[in-house]
Protein backbone atom coordinates (compact mmCIF):
# COMPACT_ATOMS: atom_id res chain seq x y z
CA MET A 1 26.88 5.17 4.88
CA ILE A 2 23.65 3.95 6.49
CA SER A 3 20.21 3.14 5.17
CA GLU A 4 17.10 4.36 6.92
CA VAL A 5 14.17 2.05 6.19
CA ALA A 6 10.56 2.87 7.08
CA SER A 7 7.25 1.18 6.35
CA LEU A 8 4.55 3.75 5.67
CA TYR A 9 0.87 2.85 5.95
CA ILE A 10 -1.33 5.35 4.13
CA ILE A 11 -4.99 6.07 4.86
CA ASP A 12 -7.22 4.14 2.49
CA GLY A 13 -8.08 6.14 -0.62
CA LEU A 14 -5.25 8.68 -0.25
CA ALA A 15 -2.40 6.83 -2.01
CA SER A 16 -2.38 8.98 -5.13
CA GLU A 17 -2.51 12.23 -3.14
CA PHE A 18 0.24 10.92 -0.84
CA GLU A 19 2.51 10.17 -3.82
CA SER A 20 1.99 13.68 -5.21
CA GLN A 21 2.65 15.28 -1.83
CA PHE A 22 5.74 13.08 -1.36
CA ARG A 23 7.15 14.42 -4.64
CA ARG A 24 6.60 17.99 -3.40
CA ALA A 25 8.22 17.20 -0.03
CA SER A 26 11.28 15.42 -1.50
CA PRO A 27 13.43 18.58 -1.94
CA LEU A 28 13.22 19.16 1.83
CA LEU A 29 14.85 15.79 2.31
CA SER A 30 17.37 15.91 -0.53
CA GLY A 31 18.69 19.30 0.57
CA SER A 32 19.62 18.02 4.02
CA ARG A 33 23.15 17.62 5.35
CA GLY A 34 24.41 14.06 4.93
CA TYR A 35 21.67 13.08 2.51
CA ILE A 36 22.76 10.71 -0.28
CA SER A 37 19.60 9.37 -1.94
CA HIS A 38 16.09 8.10 -1.35
CA GLU A 39 13.56 5.74 -2.90
CA LEU A 40 9.85 5.21 -2.33
CA HIS A 41 8.36 1.82 -3.19
CA LYS A 42 4.68 0.84 -3.26
CA CYS A 43 3.84 -2.62 -1.93
CA ILE A 44 2.16 -5.01 -4.35
CA GLU A 45 0.49 -7.18 -1.71
CA GLU A 46 -0.82 -4.35 0.51
CA ARG A 47 -2.21 -1.46 -1.51
CA ASN A 48 -1.78 1.20 1.18
CA LYS A 49 1.75 0.25 2.22
CA TYR A 50 4.97 1.91 1.06
CA LEU A 51 8.63 1.32 1.81
CA LEU A 52 10.82 4.40 2.14
CA MET A 53 14.58 3.92 1.93
CA ILE A 54 16.92 6.84 2.54
CA LYS A 55 20.71 6.70 2.40
CA TRP A 56 22.59 8.98 4.81
CA ARG A 57 26.29 9.48 5.46
CA SER A 58 25.68 8.71 9.16
CA VAL A 59 22.93 8.07 11.71
CA SER A 60 23.57 11.50 13.22
CA ASP A 61 22.95 13.13 9.82
CA HIS A 62 19.46 11.65 9.99
CA LEU A 63 18.67 11.91 13.71
CA ILE A 64 20.32 15.25 14.44
CA SER A 65 20.92 17.22 11.24
CA PHE A 66 17.60 16.34 9.62
CA LYS A 67 15.18 15.43 12.41
CA GLN A 68 16.05 18.54 14.43
CA SER A 69 15.74 20.87 11.44
CA THR A 70 12.95 23.11 10.20
CA ALA A 71 13.05 21.11 6.94
CA TYR A 72 11.99 18.02 8.91
CA GLU A 73 9.13 19.93 10.53
CA GLU A 74 7.89 21.00 7.08
CA TRP A 75 8.37 17.44 5.77
CA ARG A 76 6.37 16.01 8.67
CA LEU A 77 3.56 18.58 8.32
CA MET A 78 3.27 17.80 4.61
CA LEU A 79 3.18 14.01 4.95
CA ALA A 80 1.83 13.12 8.41
CA PRO A 81 -1.85 13.70 7.46
CA PHE A 82 -1.60 10.72 5.09
CA PHE A 83 -0.24 8.19 7.62
CA ASP A 84 -2.66 5.59 8.95
CA SER A 85 -0.29 4.67 11.80
CA ALA A 86 2.92 5.84 13.43
CA VAL A 87 6.00 5.55 11.23
CA GLU A 88 8.81 3.46 12.63
CA ALA A 89 12.20 3.81 10.99
CA GLU A 90 15.25 1.61 11.44
CA HIS A 91 18.86 2.09 10.39
CA TYR A 92 20.96 -0.49 8.56
CA ILE A 93 24.55 -0.86 7.46
CA SER A 94 25.67 -2.81 4.40
CA ILE A 95 27.30 -6.20 4.69
CA ARG A 96 30.01 -6.80 2.12
CA LEU A 97 29.30 -9.80 -0.04
CA PRO A 98 31.38 -11.29 -2.83
CA SER A 99 30.28 -10.22 -6.27
CA ILE A 100 28.83 -12.95 -8.43
CA ASN A 101 29.11 -12.91 -12.19
CA PRO A 102 25.82 -13.58 -13.98
CA GLY A 103 25.69 -17.02 -15.52
CA THR A 104 28.09 -18.61 -13.06
CA SER A 105 27.05 -21.01 -10.40
CA THR A 106 27.74 -20.28 -6.77
CA VAL A 107 27.30 -23.93 -5.82
CA PRO A 108 30.21 -26.22 -6.64
CA GLU A 109 29.25 -29.06 -8.93
CA ARG A 110 29.37 -32.55 -7.47
CA PRO A 111 30.67 -35.47 -9.46
CA ILE A 112 27.99 -38.04 -10.36
C-alpha cells in the first residue's frame, strides 16, 4: 500500500465551493482500481490550503489506472478551476514502528 499526499492551494474565497465540489468528485476517485481510501484536511494556519491523502494498493494504480482514465479527466475538470497553483503529489510508504501502549513511557527511567 502507498499513500499519495498532495498540498492543494485554493483560490481565495472559493474554499466552501471547492469542498462541495470535492464531495461531488469523490466517487470518481473511490471507484478507481486500486483505491483504498482518501482524506481531505483543511489547514489551520493557511486558510486556502488543504492536504489530500489517498491510499492506493500501488503507485501504478494511481499513475496508470487512475491518471490515465476518463474518471481522472472528469475529476480534474471538476476540481482544477479551484486550484491557485499547480498540484504536486508525492508517494509514500509506511515505516513499521513498534506499538506503544498509552500510559507507558518510551524512555527508560534513570536511577537518581
